[in-house]
Amino acid sequence: MAEILIADMRRVQPREALGEQPDVGHWFVCPYSAKHFKGYMITVPNGISVPQVRLPLNASGPHEIYIGVYHGHTPFVQDATAGYAGARHFLRLRLSNDACFDTIESEYYSPIKDGFHPEKEFTLNEIMEVHWRDANLTGQALIFANASGEFASHTFASVAYVRLVPLKGDMWQQHQLESPRDDTKRLVATFDGTFYGNYPADEQAIRAYFEPMRDSDFQLVMWATSRLDACYYLSKVGTPLQALPEGYINRRYLLTRDFQTWVRRGIDPLAVAVKAAHDCNLQIYGSMRLQGIDMPPYHQFHGAVTFMTQHPEFWTVAEDGRRMPHVSIAFPEVCQLIVRLFREQVENYDLDGIHLLFNRSYPFVLFEEPVVRDFLAKFGEDPRRVDRMDQRLWGHRSSYVTMLMRELRAMLDEVGAKRRRRLAMAAHVMNSVRNCRYFGMDVGTWVKEGLVDHLIVHPCTSIEELGEKRVMPATIAEFARLTEGTGCRIYADLYPRRLPPEKIRQRVIEYYDAGADGISFWDTYARMWRKSEWSMIRIAGHREELKDWAKRASSFWRKVSIESICGISLDPRYGIQTHG
């Protein structure tokens, strides 16, 4: 059976949703001529009210689904060709029997943040085709919608064509090989609570973050539950996110505003997330940042009164007495609050464990009064006078964090005994064992005492030069030696966030060869919409098979040259970049 190319988007229904001229309320139909075929694309601005449209597929059986998108000569595309990562466009889509919409995001790169990837350079006379997913298409249609939310403002949704490739013969065998098995469930997703600025609006929007991980190699989801006591759920121990005043200047203004929808409805988004995760056969951990504040003058955290804003006496303190914008774990009051918050989460929600983000809001212990007092009693010296590289100082600061970890492990064992299961603990840590020790994380003791089940190694600020701005394979080998023979699993946090599929494949193989048990993906919400990359990521737990999948990685993305749109030439020799 041959592949099916649907290039005439005038076939979508209802026809009344289409317009031959761009106007509010309609998808604009644009005829185009590509190198080997002609078609009609549809496009519409995001953030405006426009009907969803339905495309009959007239196909049966399992297929690969590829979507061709064109984003046009907009300011954001101009930014992209100049190398800015902010050039994003969004198309929402689902099959007719799907429970919620998925999203396709344009795949541009910033040479500064993401590196230089010439194989994915594009021009403004090219359609970008991405592998969306595999599915049984019997009786199915495709439904398209534009995106809402401020994160999508000044962007467009477009569909140029749909390409369906039947899964037969070798293609079916490859599809079967890519199916998840117990031994491939090695991937970790981290949702740190920003969601491009807009908090999920409803139950379907939360579920949409879990569905792309269904039938994949993902096993664990670290889901943001709080920044210390500023909570992403209807907490009674902490304070649910509070809205900022209208027009308030803070990068979390939209997030806190959107969260109030859940507060008004009395529906707990954490309960929704837990159910969505388990429905997709995923484990979900409550994830906490230990809360620093934004850089001044925009430092008002969530615009709400929090433990940190109420108690500056529990902030970290530098050698010279200056207060630093982090809470200190050296204070029992801080540790007690952390334990109470996590206890509330595992007692009231069907979470599978907890997760601490030690890769943000550090340092957690400096020269606070208890630290100085205890160091003097133990060593007879003032810690503010010793060299910052003194190992006694490192060990002393780490002892407070280790005490917190012991208290959390004891609490989890207590609650787990009542639930007749082990509740796990995971932690994001620094990019070397030495760097961890300097910042107060004695990971060796954590592992030896069985306090943690998962360590996720993240590229962080370093006290020494460690090479590229990513987790190096040598670092993973160091952690693997530390955990050898224990029940603790090591994960490499894959950076940068945006990489072409083949480079993802190569880097993942490097980490496995160095001893990683699995791979983690920071800000997973920002990766799952970049579909060619996601197609590689979701099968990255196939440790052995990956070595043979270079050709497969290259199949997830391609460019299709177009010669004209609406009868207007896009010949790059004649100033396409300066049109208008």
Protein backbone atom coordinates (compact mmCIF):
# COMPACT_ATOMS: atom_id res chain seq x y z
CA MET A 1 0.00 0.00 0.00
CA ALA A 2 1.45 3.37 -1.06
CA GLU A 3 1.71 6.38 1.21
CA ILE A 4 -1.08 8.94 1.12
CA LEU A 5 -0.39 12.66 0.63
CA ILE A 6 -3.25 15.00 1.51
CA ALA A 7 -2.16 18.41 0.23
CA ASP A 8 -5.55 20.04 -0.37
CA MET A 9 -6.66 21.43 2.97
CA ARG A 10 -9.86 22.72 1.35
CA ARG A 11 -11.16 19.25 2.21
CA VAL A 12 -11.52 20.16 5.88
CA GLN A 13 -14.96 20.58 7.39
CA PRO A 14 -16.89 22.73 7.93
CA ARG A 15 -16.17 24.60 4.70
CA GLU A 16 -17.71 27.69 6.32
CA ALA A 17 -14.62 27.87 8.57
CA LEU A 18 -12.44 28.68 5.53
CA GLY A 19 -11.91 32.00 3.83
CA GLU A 20 -10.16 33.06 0.65
CA GLN A 21 -9.08 36.28 2.31
CA PRO A 22 -7.52 36.62 5.76
CA ASP A 23 -10.16 37.77 8.22
CA VAL A 24 -11.04 37.20 11.86
CA GLY A 25 -12.97 34.00 12.41
CA HIS A 26 -11.74 32.01 9.40
CA TRP A 27 -8.80 29.85 8.37
CA PHE A 28 -7.12 31.53 5.40
CA VAL A 29 -6.76 29.19 2.38
CA CYS A 30 -3.52 29.68 0.43
CA PRO A 31 -2.69 27.82 -2.79
CA TYR A 32 0.97 26.84 -3.03
CA SER A 33 3.29 25.08 -5.41
CA ALA A 34 5.98 22.77 -4.02
CA LYS A 35 8.79 21.15 -5.93
CA HIS A 36 6.92 17.91 -6.63
CA PHE A 37 3.28 18.70 -5.91
CA LYS A 38 0.71 21.47 -5.50
CA GLY A 39 -1.68 22.07 -2.65
CA TYR A 40 -3.76 24.40 -0.53
CA MET A 41 -2.58 25.22 2.99
CA ILE A 42 -4.66 26.77 5.75
CA THR A 43 -3.32 29.26 8.26
CA VAL A 44 -4.71 31.40 11.08
CA PRO A 45 -3.33 33.59 13.88
CA ASN A 46 -3.19 32.00 17.31
CA GLY A 47 -5.08 33.55 20.18
CA ILE A 48 -8.22 34.46 18.19
CA SER A 49 -11.55 32.65 18.09
CA VAL A 50 -11.76 30.37 15.08
CA PRO A 51 -13.64 27.07 14.55
CA GLN A 52 -11.87 23.75 14.80
CA VAL A 53 -11.70 21.98 11.44
CA ARG A 54 -11.90 18.27 10.64
CA LEU A 55 -9.92 16.51 7.91
CA PRO A 56 -11.24 13.09 6.77
CA LEU A 57 -8.31 10.72 6.29
CA ASN A 58 -10.02 7.83 4.47
CA ALA A 59 -7.32 5.45 5.68
CA SER A 60 -7.40 2.21 7.63
CA GLY A 61 -4.91 0.32 9.73
CA PRO A 62 -1.71 1.52 11.41
CA HIS A 63 0.14 4.45 9.82
CA GLU A 64 2.90 6.91 10.54
CA ILE A 65 1.50 10.44 10.49
CA TYR A 66 3.65 13.31 9.20
CA ILE A 67 2.47 16.93 9.27
CA GLY A 68 3.78 19.64 6.95
CA VAL A 69 3.66 23.16 8.40
CA TYR A 70 4.63 26.56 7.01
CA HIS A 71 4.94 29.59 9.26
CA GLY A 72 5.48 32.34 6.73
CA HIS A 73 7.22 35.66 6.73
CA THR A 74 6.29 36.88 10.20
CA PRO A 75 8.45 38.77 12.68
CA PHE A 76 8.97 35.56 14.65
CA VAL A 77 10.26 33.72 11.59
CA GLN A 78 12.60 36.62 10.89
CA ASP A 79 13.86 36.20 14.45
CA ALA A 80 14.37 32.51 13.80
CA THR A 81 16.49 33.06 10.72
CA ALA A 82 18.54 35.48 12.80
CA GLY A 83 19.05 32.79 15.43
CA TYR A 84 16.61 33.67 18.21
CA ALA A 85 15.00 30.80 20.14
CA GLY A 86 11.80 32.77 20.72
CA ALA A 87 10.60 32.09 17.18
CA ARG A 88 7.78 29.68 18.01
CA HIS A 89 4.55 28.80 16.24
CA PHE A 90 1.92 26.37 17.47
CA LEU A 91 -0.67 24.08 15.89
CA ARG A 92 -3.07 22.03 17.98
CA LEU A 93 -4.31 18.73 16.59
CA ARG A 94 -5.82 15.41 17.57
CA LEU A 95 -7.31 12.31 16.05
CA SER A 96 -11.07 12.10 16.33
CA ASN A 97 -10.99 9.45 19.06
CA ASP A 98 -8.30 11.18 21.15
CA ALA A 99 -9.25 12.51 24.58
CA CYS A 100 -7.38 15.80 24.17
CA PHE A 101 -5.39 17.95 21.78
CA ASP A 102 -1.67 17.62 21.20
CA THR A 103 0.49 20.51 19.95
CA ILE A 104 3.12 20.87 17.23
CA GLU A 105 5.64 23.65 17.79
CA SER A 106 8.01 25.00 15.18
CA GLU A 107 11.56 23.74 15.58
CA TYR A 108 13.94 26.66 15.46
CA TYR A 109 17.30 26.83 17.23
CA SER A 110 19.33 29.47 18.98
CA PRO A 111 23.02 29.04 18.13
CA ILE A 112 23.88 30.62 21.48
CA LYS A 113 21.75 28.34 23.68
CA ASP A 114 21.34 25.24 21.51
CA GLY A 115 24.46 25.11 19.36
CA PHE A 116 24.86 25.25 15.60
CA HIS A 117 22.98 22.55 13.68
CA PRO A 118 23.39 23.16 9.93
CA GLU A 119 21.31 20.11 9.04
CA LYS A 120 18.25 21.87 10.48
CA GLU A 121 18.79 25.31 9.01
CA PHE A 122 15.78 26.44 7.01
CA THR A 123 14.78 29.18 4.62
CA LEU A 124 11.50 31.01 4.21
CA ASN A 125 10.63 29.04 1.07
CA GLU A 126 10.45 25.70 2.88
CA ILE A 127 7.73 23.67 4.57
CA MET A 128 8.84 21.83 7.68
CA GLU A 129 7.59 18.26 7.91
CA VAL A 130 7.68 16.42 11.25
CA HIS A 131 6.74 12.95 12.38
CA TRP A 132 3.78 13.45 14.69
CA ARG A 133 2.92 9.91 15.81
CA ASP A 134 1.90 6.39 14.77
CA ALA A 135 -1.75 5.37 15.06
CA ASN A 136 -4.47 3.08 13.77
CA LEU A 137 -6.43 5.33 11.39
CA THR A 138 -9.45 3.13 10.79
CA GLY A 139 -12.50 5.40 11.00
CA GLN A 140 -10.38 8.35 12.11
CA ALA A 141 -10.20 12.00 11.09
CA LEU A 142 -7.72 14.71 12.01
CA ILE A 143 -8.98 17.75 13.89
CA PHE A 144 -7.00 21.01 13.81
CA ALA A 145 -7.26 24.04 16.09
CA ASN A 146 -5.23 27.13 16.76
CA ALA A 147 -3.58 27.78 20.13
CA SER A 148 -4.83 30.04 22.89
CA GLY A 149 -2.95 31.64 25.75
CA GLU A 150 -0.56 34.55 25.87
CA PHE A 151 2.42 32.28 25.21
CA ALA A 152 1.13 31.86 21.64
CA SER A 153 0.39 35.52 20.96
CA HIS A 154 1.79 36.95 17.70
CA THR A 155 2.19 33.43 16.28
CA PHE A 156 0.34 31.42 13.65
CA ALA A 157 -1.06 27.93 13.19
CA SER A 158 -0.75 26.38 9.77
CA VAL A 159 -1.21 23.07 7.96
CA ALA A 160 0.23 22.60 4.49
CA TYR A 161 -0.27 18.85 4.12
CA VAL A 162 -0.63 15.50 5.87
CA ARG A 163 1.45 12.49 4.80
CA LEU A 164 0.36 9.00 5.89
CA VAL A 165 2.79 6.08 5.62
CA PRO A 166 1.30 2.59 6.07
CA LEU A 167 3.06 0.46 8.67
CA LYS A 168 3.68 -2.64 6.59
CA GLY A 169 6.59 -5.06 6.26
CA ASP A 170 9.85 -3.52 7.50
CA MET A 171 8.02 -0.42 8.72
CA TRP A 172 5.76 -2.55 10.91
CA GLN A 173 8.76 -4.43 12.30
CA GLN A 174 10.41 -1.09 13.16
CA HIS A 175 7.20 0.07 14.84
CA GLN A 176 7.17 -3.11 16.93
CA LEU A 177 10.82 -2.63 17.90
CA GLU A 178 10.06 0.88 19.13
CA SER A 179 7.24 -0.29 21.40
CA PRO A 180 8.04 0.10 25.11
CA ARG A 181 9.07 -2.89 27.23
CA ASP A 182 9.71 -3.17 30.95
CA ASP A 183 13.46 -2.88 30.33
CA THR A 184 13.09 0.30 28.22
CA LYS A 185 11.15 2.31 30.83
CA ARG A 186 14.20 4.45 31.62
CA LEU A 187 13.08 8.03 31.02
CA VAL A 188 12.22 10.82 33.45
CA ALA A 189 10.05 13.87 32.66
CA THR A 190 10.40 17.03 34.75
CA PHE A 191 7.67 19.69 34.85
CA ASP A 192 8.99 22.60 36.90
CA GLY A 193 5.74 24.54 36.88
CA THR A 194 6.20 27.28 34.25
CA PHE A 195 4.32 25.82 31.23
CA TYR A 196 5.42 28.65 28.89
CA GLY A 197 3.89 31.10 31.36
CA ASN A 198 0.25 29.96 31.17
CA TYR A 199 -0.90 27.40 33.76
CA PRO A 200 -3.07 24.63 32.23
CA ALA A 201 -6.61 25.95 31.96
CA ASP A 202 -8.57 22.78 32.68
CA GLU A 203 -8.47 19.00 33.11
CA GLN A 204 -8.01 18.38 29.39
CA ALA A 205 -5.04 20.78 29.27
CA ILE A 206 -3.31 18.92 32.10
CA ARG A 207 -4.01 15.57 30.51
CA ALA A 208 -2.48 16.85 27.27
CA TYR A 209 0.92 16.97 29.01
CA PHE A 210 0.73 13.26 29.87
CA GLU A 211 -0.79 11.71 26.75
CA PRO A 212 2.36 12.16 24.60
CA MET A 213 4.16 9.93 27.13
CA ARG A 214 1.63 7.11 26.82
CA ASP A 215 3.12 3.96 25.25
CA SER A 216 6.60 5.48 25.42
CA ASP A 217 9.81 4.76 27.35
CA PHE A 218 8.90 7.29 30.05
CA GLN A 219 8.44 5.85 33.53
CA LEU A 220 8.70 8.76 35.99
CA VAL A 221 7.16 12.23 36.00
CA MET A 222 8.43 14.92 38.40
CA TRP A 223 5.40 17.22 38.63
CA ALA A 224 5.72 20.67 40.24
CA THR A 225 3.76 20.80 43.48
CA SER A 226 5.35 23.76 45.24
CA ARG A 227 8.07 26.32 45.54
CA LEU A 228 8.50 25.75 49.26
CA ASP A 229 5.07 26.81 50.59
CA ALA A 230 3.78 28.50 47.40
CA CYS A 231 1.76 25.55 46.18
CA TYR A 232 0.50 24.36 42.80
CA TYR A 233 -2.34 22.51 44.51
CA LEU A 234 -5.07 23.33 47.02
CA SER A 235 -2.78 23.05 50.03
CA LYS A 236 -3.75 23.62 53.64
CA VAL A 237 -0.16 23.51 54.92
CA GLY A 238 1.13 26.00 52.36
CA THR A 239 -0.59 28.68 50.29
CA PRO A 240 -2.07 27.93 46.84
CA LEU A 241 -0.67 30.29 44.21
CA GLN A 242 -2.14 33.75 44.65
CA ALA A 243 -2.85 36.12 41.80
CA LEU A 244 -0.75 39.21 41.29
CA PRO A 245 -2.47 42.60 40.90
CA GLU A 246 -3.72 43.32 37.39
CA GLY A 247 -0.88 44.51 35.20
CA TYR A 248 1.76 43.59 37.77
CA ILE A 249 5.22 43.18 36.27
CA ASN A 250 6.39 39.67 37.09
CA ARG A 251 7.15 36.79 34.77
CA ARG A 252 4.74 34.61 36.75
CA TYR A 253 1.78 36.98 36.47
CA LEU A 254 -0.04 34.84 33.90
CA LEU A 255 0.73 31.63 35.76
CA THR A 256 -0.74 32.87 39.03
CA ARG A 257 -3.75 34.42 37.27
CA ASP A 258 -4.54 31.19 35.44
CA PHE A 259 -4.22 29.14 38.63
CA GLN A 260 -7.13 31.06 40.16
CA THR A 261 -9.47 29.24 37.76
CA TRP A 262 -8.78 26.05 39.71
CA VAL A 263 -9.22 27.82 43.05
CA ARG A 264 -12.61 29.24 42.02
CA ARG A 265 -13.80 25.87 40.72
CA GLY A 266 -12.59 24.07 43.84
CA ILE A 267 -10.90 21.42 41.71
CA ASP A 268 -7.38 20.37 42.65
CA PRO A 269 -5.01 20.27 39.65
CA LEU A 270 -2.65 17.89 41.48
CA ALA A 271 -5.40 15.30 41.80
CA VAL A 272 -6.08 15.71 38.07
CA ALA A 273 -2.38 15.28 37.25
CA VAL A 274 -2.03 12.15 39.40
CA LYS A 275 -4.98 10.50 37.69
CA ALA A 276 -3.72 11.49 34.23
CA ALA A 277 -0.28 10.04 34.99
CA HIS A 278 -1.61 6.73 36.26
CA ASP A 279 -4.03 6.47 33.33
CA CYS A 280 -0.96 6.64 31.08
CA ASN A 281 0.90 4.00 33.13
CA LEU A 282 3.34 6.59 34.52
CA GLN A 283 4.60 7.11 38.06
CA ILE A 284 4.30 10.66 39.37
CA TYR A 285 6.33 12.36 42.11
CA GLY A 286 5.54 15.64 43.85
CA SER A 287 8.36 18.05 42.96
CA MET A 288 9.54 20.98 45.09
CA ARG A 289 11.83 23.91 44.48
CA LEU A 290 13.24 25.09 47.78
CA GLN A 291 12.42 28.66 46.77
CA GLY A 292 14.68 31.52 46.01
CA ILE A 293 13.37 34.80 44.66
CA ASP A 294 13.60 36.44 41.26
CA MET A 295 16.30 39.02 40.73
CA PRO A 296 15.27 42.46 41.99
CA PRO A 297 13.41 44.63 41.20
CA TYR A 298 11.04 41.83 40.09
CA HIS A 299 11.65 39.78 43.21
CA GLN A 300 8.15 39.72 44.67
CA PHE A 301 7.62 35.98 44.62
CA HIS A 302 4.22 35.18 43.11
CA GLY A 303 3.00 38.45 44.61
CA ALA A 304 1.92 36.49 47.68
CA VAL A 305 2.92 36.37 51.31
CA THR A 306 5.05 33.25 51.69
CA PHE A 307 7.19 31.69 54.38
CA MET A 308 10.26 33.24 52.76
CA THR A 309 8.87 36.76 52.58
CA GLN A 310 7.56 36.52 56.15
CA HIS A 311 10.76 35.12 57.62
CA PRO A 312 13.93 36.78 56.31
CA GLU A 313 15.59 35.56 59.51
CA PHE A 314 15.64 32.09 57.91
CA TRP A 315 17.51 33.20 54.80
CA THR A 316 21.06 32.11 54.09
CA VAL A 317 23.79 34.48 55.28
CA ALA A 318 27.16 35.25 53.66
CA GLU A 319 30.44 35.48 55.59
CA ASP A 320 30.04 39.22 56.05
CA GLY A 321 26.48 38.94 57.39
CA ARG A 322 24.58 39.86 54.21
CA ARG A 323 21.33 37.97 53.77
CA MET A 324 21.17 35.94 50.56
CA PRO A 325 17.88 35.22 48.74
CA HIS A 326 17.53 31.54 49.65
CA VAL A 327 16.01 29.77 52.65
CA SER A 328 18.52 27.87 54.80
CA ILE A 329 18.06 24.20 55.62
CA ALA A 330 20.19 24.78 58.72
CA PHE A 331 17.09 26.10 60.49
CA PRO A 332 14.77 23.42 61.93
CA GLU A 333 11.74 25.58 61.07
CA VAL A 334 12.59 25.34 57.37
CA CYS A 335 13.09 21.57 57.47
CA GLN A 336 9.87 21.06 59.40
CA LEU A 337 7.95 23.03 56.78
CA ILE A 338 9.43 20.97 53.94
CA VAL A 339 8.55 17.70 55.66
CA ARG A 340 5.01 18.89 56.45
CA LEU A 341 4.39 19.94 52.85
CA PHE A 342 5.61 16.63 51.44
CA ARG A 343 3.65 14.72 54.08
CA GLU A 344 0.50 16.53 53.01
CA GLN A 345 1.15 15.57 49.41
CA VAL A 346 1.82 11.85 49.91
CA GLU A 347 -0.96 11.44 52.46
CA ASN A 348 -3.67 13.21 50.45
CA TYR A 349 -2.72 12.27 46.88
CA ASP A 350 -1.82 8.95 45.29
CA LEU A 351 1.73 10.07 44.54
CA ASP A 352 4.44 7.49 43.95
CA GLY A 353 7.17 9.54 45.60
CA ILE A 354 8.70 12.97 46.10
CA HIS A 355 11.36 14.97 44.28
CA LEU A 356 13.66 17.78 45.40
CA LEU A 357 15.23 20.28 43.01
CA PHE A 358 18.70 20.81 44.44
CA ASN A 359 19.76 22.22 41.05
CA ARG A 360 17.85 25.44 41.69
CA SER A 361 17.64 27.96 44.57
CA TYR A 362 21.06 26.95 45.93
CA PRO A 363 23.06 27.36 48.13
CA PHE A 364 20.94 25.87 50.90
CA VAL A 365 23.39 26.38 53.79
CA LEU A 366 25.98 29.13 54.24
CA PHE A 367 26.99 30.88 57.48
CA GLU A 368 23.76 31.14 59.45
CA GLU A 369 23.85 31.29 63.24
CA PRO A 370 23.33 27.50 63.78
CA VAL A 371 26.05 26.73 61.23
CA VAL A 372 28.59 29.04 62.87
CA ARG A 373 27.69 27.83 66.37
CA ASP A 374 27.93 24.12 65.52
CA PHE A 375 31.17 24.51 63.55
CA LEU A 376 32.78 26.38 66.44
CA ALA A 377 31.70 23.64 68.85
CA LYS A 378 33.03 20.88 66.60
CA PHE A 379 36.27 22.38 65.27
CA GLY A 380 37.02 25.33 67.54
CA GLU A 381 37.18 27.70 64.57
CA ASP A 382 34.91 30.28 63.05
CA PRO A 383 33.73 28.88 59.67
CA ARG A 384 33.61 32.42 58.29
CA ARG A 385 37.39 32.56 58.62
CA VAL A 386 38.32 29.24 56.99
CA ASP A 387 39.09 28.76 53.30
CA ARG A 388 35.95 28.17 51.24
CA MET A 389 37.53 25.00 49.83
CA ASP A 390 38.12 23.52 53.30
CA GLN A 391 36.61 20.02 53.29
CA ARG A 392 35.48 20.40 56.90
CA LEU A 393 33.25 23.28 55.81
CA TRP A 394 31.81 21.24 52.94
CA GLY A 395 31.05 18.31 55.21
CA HIS A 396 29.55 20.54 57.88
CA ARG A 397 27.17 22.29 55.48
CA SER A 398 26.21 18.95 53.95
CA SER A 399 25.26 17.53 57.35
CA TYR A 400 22.20 19.80 57.55
CA VAL A 401 20.93 18.74 54.13
CA THR A 402 21.54 15.08 54.96
CA MET A 403 19.51 15.49 58.15
CA LEU A 404 16.61 16.79 56.06
CA MET A 405 16.93 13.81 53.72
CA ARG A 406 16.80 11.42 56.69
CA GLU A 407 13.68 13.11 58.03
CA LEU A 408 12.02 12.89 54.64
CA ARG A 409 12.96 9.22 54.25
CA ALA A 410 11.53 8.45 57.70
CA MET A 411 8.30 10.27 56.84
CA LEU A 412 7.99 8.43 53.51
CA ASP A 413 8.57 5.07 55.20
CA GLU A 414 5.90 5.86 57.78
CA VAL A 415 3.30 6.87 55.20
CA GLY A 416 4.39 4.09 52.85
CA ALA A 417 3.86 1.48 55.56
CA LYS A 418 0.25 2.61 55.88
CA ARG A 419 -0.16 2.43 52.11
CA ARG A 420 1.71 -0.92 51.98
CA ARG A 421 4.25 0.27 49.42
CA ARG A 422 7.59 2.04 49.25
CA LEU A 423 7.34 5.73 48.47
CA ALA A 424 10.40 6.75 46.49
CA MET A 425 12.58 9.85 46.75
CA ALA A 426 14.36 11.50 43.82
CA ALA A 427 16.65 14.51 43.64
CA HIS A 428 18.14 16.70 40.94
CA VAL A 429 21.80 17.27 41.84
CA MET A 430 24.88 19.06 40.54
CA ASN A 431 27.17 18.12 37.67
CA SER A 432 29.91 16.40 39.70
CA VAL A 433 30.17 14.69 43.07
CA ARG A 434 32.64 17.37 44.13
CA ASN A 435 30.31 20.16 43.04
CA CYS A 436 27.50 18.51 45.02
CA ARG A 437 29.63 18.43 48.15
CA TYR A 438 30.58 22.08 47.80
CA PHE A 439 26.91 23.09 47.61
CA GLY A 440 25.86 20.91 50.55
CA MET A 441 24.84 17.62 48.93
CA ASP A 442 26.64 14.58 50.35
CA VAL A 443 25.28 12.24 47.70
CA GLY A 444 27.64 9.47 48.83
CA THR A 445 25.98 9.35 52.25
CA TRP A 446 22.51 9.58 50.72
CA VAL A 447 23.25 6.53 48.58
CA LYS A 448 25.02 4.58 51.33
CA GLU A 449 22.11 5.07 53.74
CA GLY A 450 19.47 4.27 51.11
CA LEU A 451 17.86 7.68 51.41
CA VAL A 452 17.35 8.26 47.67
CA ASP A 453 16.09 6.04 44.87
CA HIS A 454 16.92 8.29 41.91
CA LEU A 455 19.68 10.88 41.33
CA ILE A 456 19.30 13.12 38.28
CA VAL A 457 22.56 14.81 37.29
CA HIS A 458 21.98 18.30 35.95
CA PRO A 459 24.34 20.88 34.35
CA CYS A 460 24.70 23.58 36.99
CA THR A 461 26.97 26.38 38.21
CA SER A 462 30.34 24.81 38.91
CA ILE A 463 33.24 25.50 41.25
CA GLU A 464 35.53 24.17 38.54
CA GLU A 465 35.57 24.00 34.77
CA LEU A 466 33.88 20.78 33.66
CA GLY A 467 33.97 21.21 29.88
CA GLU A 468 30.86 21.82 27.81
CA LYS A 469 27.73 23.33 29.33
CA ARG A 470 26.10 19.94 29.66
CA VAL A 471 26.43 16.82 31.76
CA MET A 472 29.62 15.12 30.63
CA PRO A 473 29.84 11.31 30.25
CA ALA A 474 32.78 11.31 32.70
CA THR A 475 30.47 12.79 35.33
CA ILE A 476 27.91 10.05 34.77
CA ALA A 477 30.66 7.44 35.13
CA GLU A 478 31.63 9.04 38.47
CA PHE A 479 28.06 8.82 39.77
CA ALA A 480 27.66 5.28 38.40
CA ARG A 481 30.69 4.14 40.43
CA LEU A 482 29.20 5.81 43.50
CA THR A 483 25.89 3.94 43.17
CA GLU A 484 27.21 0.60 41.92
CA GLY A 485 25.65 -2.29 43.83
CA THR A 486 22.94 -0.10 45.39
CA GLY A 487 19.31 0.41 44.52
CA CYS A 488 19.87 4.03 43.49
CA ARG A 489 19.50 4.80 39.78
CA ILE A 490 21.45 7.50 37.92
CA TYR A 491 20.00 9.69 35.15
CA ALA A 492 21.70 12.20 32.89
CA ASP A 493 19.67 15.38 32.34
CA LEU A 494 19.90 15.88 28.57
CA TYR A 495 20.96 19.39 27.53
CA PRO A 496 20.61 21.63 25.66
CA ARG A 497 16.83 21.41 25.57
CA ARG A 498 16.74 21.60 21.77
CA LEU A 499 18.80 19.16 19.69
CA PRO A 500 18.16 17.45 16.34
CA PRO A 501 17.01 13.81 16.63
CA GLU A 502 20.32 12.28 15.54
CA LYS A 503 22.30 14.34 18.06
CA ILE A 504 19.85 13.30 20.78
CA ARG A 505 20.47 9.67 19.81
CA GLN A 506 24.25 10.07 19.89
CA ARG A 507 24.28 11.85 23.23
CA VAL A 508 21.95 9.34 24.88
CA ILE A 509 24.21 6.49 23.73
CA GLU A 510 27.20 8.28 25.29
CA TYR A 511 25.40 8.46 28.63
CA TYR A 512 24.38 4.81 28.58
CA ASP A 513 27.94 3.79 27.71
CA ALA A 514 29.15 5.86 30.68
CA GLY A 515 26.85 3.99 33.08
CA ALA A 516 23.59 5.94 33.16
CA ASP A 517 20.51 3.94 34.11
CA GLY A 518 18.28 6.35 32.24
CA ILE A 519 17.83 9.82 30.76
CA SER A 520 15.97 12.83 32.18
CA PHE A 521 14.44 15.76 30.32
CA TRP A 522 14.21 19.09 32.13
CA ASP A 523 11.20 21.21 31.12
CA THR A 524 9.60 18.30 29.32
CA TYR A 525 6.64 20.53 28.39
CA ALA A 526 9.04 22.53 26.19
CA ARG A 527 10.25 19.39 24.39
CA MET A 528 7.17 17.29 23.70
CA TRP A 529 5.73 19.78 21.19
CA ARG A 530 8.91 19.75 19.05
CA LYS A 531 7.74 16.60 17.34
CA SER A 532 10.77 15.43 15.37
CA GLU A 533 12.84 15.62 18.55
CA TRP A 534 10.06 14.09 20.64
CA SER A 535 9.82 11.15 18.24
CA MET A 536 13.44 10.35 19.13
CA ILE A 537 13.12 11.18 22.83
CA ARG A 538 10.12 8.94 23.49
CA ILE A 539 12.06 5.82 22.36
CA ALA A 540 15.34 6.79 24.04
CA GLY A 541 14.98 4.04 26.64
CA HIS A 542 15.83 1.41 24.00
CA ARG A 543 19.41 1.29 25.17
CA GLU A 544 20.75 -1.34 22.77
CA GLU A 545 18.55 -0.69 19.73
CA LEU A 546 19.48 3.01 19.63
CA LYS A 547 22.89 2.13 18.23
CA ASP A 548 21.25 0.94 15.01
CA TRP A 549 18.72 3.75 14.64
CA ALA A 550 20.71 6.51 12.92
CA LYS A 551 18.61 6.16 9.78
CA ARG A 552 15.45 6.16 11.84
CA ALA A 553 16.48 9.36 13.62
CA SER A 554 16.97 11.11 10.29
CA SER A 555 13.45 10.15 9.18
CA PHE A 556 11.63 12.24 11.78
CA TRP A 557 12.16 15.60 10.04
CA ARG A 558 12.57 16.95 6.53
CA LYS A 559 12.25 20.14 4.53
CA VAL A 560 10.08 20.52 1.42
CA SER A 561 10.88 23.39 -0.95
CA ILE A 562 7.99 25.55 -2.12
CA GLU A 563 8.15 27.74 -5.20
CA SER A 564 5.15 30.00 -4.65
CA ILE A 565 2.25 30.82 -2.34
CA CYS A 566 -0.91 32.50 -3.63
CA GLY A 567 0.83 32.76 -7.00
CA ILE A 568 3.67 34.84 -5.52
CA SER A 569 7.17 33.53 -6.19
CA LEU A 570 9.39 32.59 -3.24
CA ASP A 571 12.51 32.36 -5.36
CA PRO A 572 15.32 33.00 -2.82
CA ARG A 573 17.48 34.64 -5.47
CA TYR A 574 15.22 37.65 -5.57
CA GLY A 575 14.99 39.05 -2.11
CA ILE A 576 12.47 36.83 -0.30
CA GLN A 577 13.88 38.03 3.04
CA THR A 578 13.06 41.63 2.12
CA HIS A 579 9.51 41.13 0.82
CA GLY A 580 7.31 43.79 2.38
